[in-house]
């Protein structure tokens, strides 16, 4: 696993450990021997209600994957992390707990 310059993982909620582990394994299985690169944890500028600010979201670099590999990675993430929302952007994948998982852990009103 690599942490991008400026990415802050200190303070991530324990629910994100499963996502980090799944990403690491999936990136390695798809030709990235260094594993996943985390570009954003609790840092960055996001919408006011972003889970990033609560340590409940990560962004994982994907701009080095060809489209076919990126699609495969997304499918594998959805299979490994069914209780998480996987949001695909052009250069990264955003991962956060689903509302149901967050509610189960008392993180939703």
C-alpha atoms as a PDB file:
ATOM      1  CA  UNK A   1       0.000   0.000   0.000  1.00  0.00           C
ATOM      2  CA  UNK A   2       1.174   3.459  -0.841  1.00  0.00           C
ATOM      3  CA  UNK A   3      -0.038   6.694   0.684  1.00  0.00           C
ATOM      4  CA  UNK A   4      -0.048   9.636  -1.705  1.00  0.00           C
ATOM      5  CA  UNK A   5       1.723  12.807  -0.658  1.00  0.00           C
ATOM      6  CA  UNK A   6      -0.651  14.671   1.616  1.00  0.00           C
ATOM      7  CA  UNK A   7      -3.120  11.822   2.134  1.00  0.00           C
ATOM      8  CA  UNK A   8      -4.045  11.440   5.814  1.00  0.00           C
ATOM      9  CA  UNK A   9      -5.165   8.060   7.129  1.00  0.00           C
ATOM     10  CA  UNK A  10      -4.693   8.798  10.830  1.00  0.00           C
ATOM     11  CA  UNK A  11      -8.175   9.024  12.257  1.00  0.00           C
ATOM     12  CA  UNK A  12      -9.863   6.688   9.766  1.00  0.00           C
ATOM     13  CA  UNK A  13     -12.795   4.854  11.315  1.00  0.00           C
ATOM     14  CA  UNK A  14     -12.243   1.148  11.961  1.00  0.00           C
ATOM     15  CA  UNK A  15     -14.928   0.339   9.352  1.00  0.00           C
ATOM     16  CA  UNK A  16     -12.471   1.483   6.678  1.00  0.00           C
ATOM     17  CA  UNK A  17      -9.927  -1.243   7.520  1.00  0.00           C
ATOM     18  CA  UNK A  18     -11.937  -3.810   5.578  1.00  0.00           C
ATOM     19  CA  UNK A  19     -12.001  -1.486   2.560  1.00  0.00           C
ATOM     20  CA  UNK A  20      -8.246  -0.845   2.761  1.00  0.00           C
ATOM     21  CA  UNK A  21      -7.500  -4.565   2.927  1.00  0.00           C
ATOM     22  CA  UNK A  22      -9.804  -5.382   0.025  1.00  0.00           C
ATOM     23  CA  UNK A  23      -8.298  -2.623  -2.118  1.00  0.00           C
ATOM     24  CA  UNK A  24      -4.763  -3.783  -1.387  1.00  0.00           C
ATOM     25  CA  UNK A  25      -5.519  -7.360  -2.454  1.00  0.00           C
ATOM     26  CA  UNK A  26      -7.526  -6.344  -5.533  1.00  0.00           C
ATOM     27  CA  UNK A  27      -4.939  -3.859  -6.811  1.00  0.00           C
ATOM     28  CA  UNK A  28      -2.173  -6.482  -6.425  1.00  0.00           C
ATOM     29  CA  UNK A  29      -4.306  -9.099  -8.193  1.00  0.00           C
ATOM     30  CA  UNK A  30      -4.758  -6.657 -11.075  1.00  0.00           C
ATOM     31  CA  UNK A  31      -1.128  -5.941 -11.818  1.00  0.00           C
ATOM     32  CA  UNK A  32      -0.115  -3.367  -9.211  1.00  0.00           C
ATOM     33  CA  UNK A  33       2.626  -5.108  -7.167  1.00  0.00           C
ATOM     34  CA  UNK A  34       2.941  -2.057  -4.895  1.00  0.00           C
ATOM     35  CA  UNK A  35      -0.742  -2.385  -4.040  1.00  0.00           C
ATOM     36  CA  UNK A  36      -3.280   0.382  -3.853  1.00  0.00           C
ATOM     37  CA  UNK A  37      -2.351   4.060  -3.652  1.00  0.00           C
ATOM     38  CA  UNK A  38      -4.588   5.981  -1.270  1.00  0.00           C
ATOM     39  CA  UNK A  39      -4.944   9.553  -2.494  1.00  0.00           C
ATOM     40  CA  UNK A  40      -7.304  10.831   0.173  1.00  0.00           C
ATOM     41  CA  UNK A  41      -8.469   9.836   3.637  1.00  0.00           C
ATOM     42  CA  UNK A  42      -9.603  12.502   6.084  1.00  0.00           C
ATOM     43  CA  UNK A  43      -7.868  15.247   4.120  1.00  0.00           C
ATOM     44  CA  UNK A  44      -8.905  17.196   1.060  1.00  0.00           C
ATOM     45  CA  UNK A  45     -11.740  19.477   0.082  1.00  0.00           C
ATOM     46  CA  UNK A  46     -15.107  17.768  -0.250  1.00  0.00           C
ATOM     47  CA  UNK A  47     -18.796  18.569   0.011  1.00  0.00           C
ATOM     48  CA  UNK A  48     -19.952  19.707   3.450  1.00  0.00           C
ATOM     49  CA  UNK A  49     -21.536  16.332   4.257  1.00  0.00           C
ATOM     50  CA  UNK A  50     -18.624  14.217   3.014  1.00  0.00           C
ATOM     51  CA  UNK A  51     -17.791  11.055   4.954  1.00  0.00           C
ATOM     52  CA  UNK A  52     -14.104  11.961   4.455  1.00  0.00           C
ATOM     53  CA  UNK A  53     -14.341  14.483   7.289  1.00  0.00           C
ATOM     54  CA  UNK A  54     -15.499  11.729   9.653  1.00  0.00           C
ATOM     55  CA  UNK A  55     -12.816   9.220   8.690  1.00  0.00           C
ATOM     56  CA  UNK A  56     -15.367   7.151   6.794  1.00  0.00           C
ATOM     57  CA  UNK A  57     -14.160   7.459   3.201  1.00  0.00           C
ATOM     58  CA  UNK A  58     -11.071   6.783   1.140  1.00  0.00           C
ATOM     59  CA  UNK A  59     -10.082   7.550  -2.435  1.00  0.00           C
ATOM     60  CA  UNK A  60      -7.961   5.020  -4.333  1.00  0.00           C
ATOM     61  CA  UNK A  61      -5.952   5.898  -7.448  1.00  0.00           C
ATOM     62  CA  UNK A  62      -7.051   4.245 -10.683  1.00  0.00           C
ATOM     63  CA  UNK A  63      -5.706   6.510 -13.442  1.00  0.00           C
ATOM     64  CA  UNK A  64      -3.022   3.933 -14.294  1.00  0.00           C
ATOM     65  CA  UNK A  65      -5.599   1.193 -15.043  1.00  0.00           C
ATOM     66  CA  UNK A  66      -6.910   0.641 -18.553  1.00  0.00           C
ATOM     67  CA  UNK A  67     -10.717   0.893 -18.722  1.00  0.00           C
ATOM     68  CA  UNK A  68     -11.151  -2.884 -18.929  1.00  0.00           C
ATOM     69  CA  UNK A  69      -9.024  -3.440 -15.825  1.00  0.00           C
ATOM     70  CA  UNK A  70     -10.734  -0.614 -13.956  1.00  0.00           C
ATOM     71  CA  UNK A  71     -14.127  -2.197 -14.687  1.00  0.00           C
ATOM     72  CA  UNK A  72     -12.837  -5.501 -13.343  1.00  0.00           C
ATOM     73  CA  UNK A  73     -11.501  -3.782 -10.204  1.00  0.00           C
ATOM     74  CA  UNK A  74     -14.873  -2.105  -9.605  1.00  0.00           C
ATOM     75  CA  UNK A  75     -16.699  -5.431  -9.973  1.00  0.00           C
ATOM     76  CA  UNK A  76     -14.305  -7.086  -7.529  1.00  0.00           C
ATOM     77  CA  UNK A  77     -14.720  -4.256  -5.020  1.00  0.00           C
ATOM     78  CA  UNK A  78     -18.512  -4.508  -5.196  1.00  0.00           C
ATOM     79  CA  UNK A  79     -18.263  -8.252  -4.582  1.00  0.00           C
ATOM     80  CA  UNK A  80     -15.807  -7.940  -1.667  1.00  0.00           C
ATOM     81  CA  UNK A  81     -17.442  -4.888  -0.109  1.00  0.00           C
ATOM     82  CA  UNK A  82     -21.211  -5.300  -0.557  1.00  0.00           C
ATOM     83  CA  UNK A  83     -21.928  -3.066   2.459  1.00  0.00           C
ATOM     84  CA  UNK A  84     -19.929  -0.158   1.034  1.00  0.00           C
ATOM     85  CA  UNK A  85     -20.716   2.410  -1.640  1.00  0.00           C
ATOM     86  CA  UNK A  86     -18.228   2.311  -4.514  1.00  0.00           C
ATOM     87  CA  UNK A  87     -18.218   5.543  -6.511  1.00  0.00           C
ATOM     88  CA  UNK A  88     -16.169   5.595  -9.705  1.00  0.00           C
ATOM     89  CA  UNK A  89     -14.465   8.799 -10.836  1.00  0.00           C
ATOM     90  CA  UNK A  90     -12.097   9.335 -13.768  1.00  0.00           C
ATOM     91  CA  UNK A  91      -8.889   9.126 -11.706  1.00  0.00           C
ATOM     92  CA  UNK A  92      -9.959   7.337  -8.536  1.00  0.00           C
ATOM     93  CA  UNK A  93     -12.535   5.209  -6.775  1.00  0.00           C
ATOM     94  CA  UNK A  94     -14.248   6.620  -3.699  1.00  0.00           C
ATOM     95  CA  UNK A  95     -15.279   4.089  -1.030  1.00  0.00           C
ATOM     96  CA  UNK A  96     -17.511   4.735   1.978  1.00  0.00           C
ATOM     97  CA  UNK A  97     -19.870   2.668   4.137  1.00  0.00           C
ATOM     98  CA  UNK A  98     -23.417   2.351   2.849  1.00  0.00           C
ATOM     99  CA  UNK A  99     -26.096   4.124   4.854  1.00  0.00           C
ATOM    100  CA  UNK A 100     -27.250   0.724   6.129  1.00  0.00           C
ATOM    101  CA  UNK A 101     -23.759  -0.189   7.413  1.00  0.00           C
ATOM    102  CA  UNK A 102     -23.318   3.264   8.952  1.00  0.00           C
ATOM    103  CA  UNK A 103     -26.702   2.987  10.694  1.00  0.00           C
ATOM    104  CA  UNK A 104     -25.840  -0.481  12.001  1.00  0.00           C
ATOM    105  CA  UNK A 105     -22.816   1.077  13.737  1.00  0.00           C
ATOM    106  CA  UNK A 106     -24.727   4.071  15.091  1.00  0.00           C
ATOM    107  CA  UNK A 107     -23.246   6.538  12.598  1.00  0.00           C
ATOM    108  CA  UNK A 108     -26.545   7.752  11.146  1.00  0.00           C
ATOM    109  CA  UNK A 109     -29.202   9.859  12.892  1.00  0.00           C
END
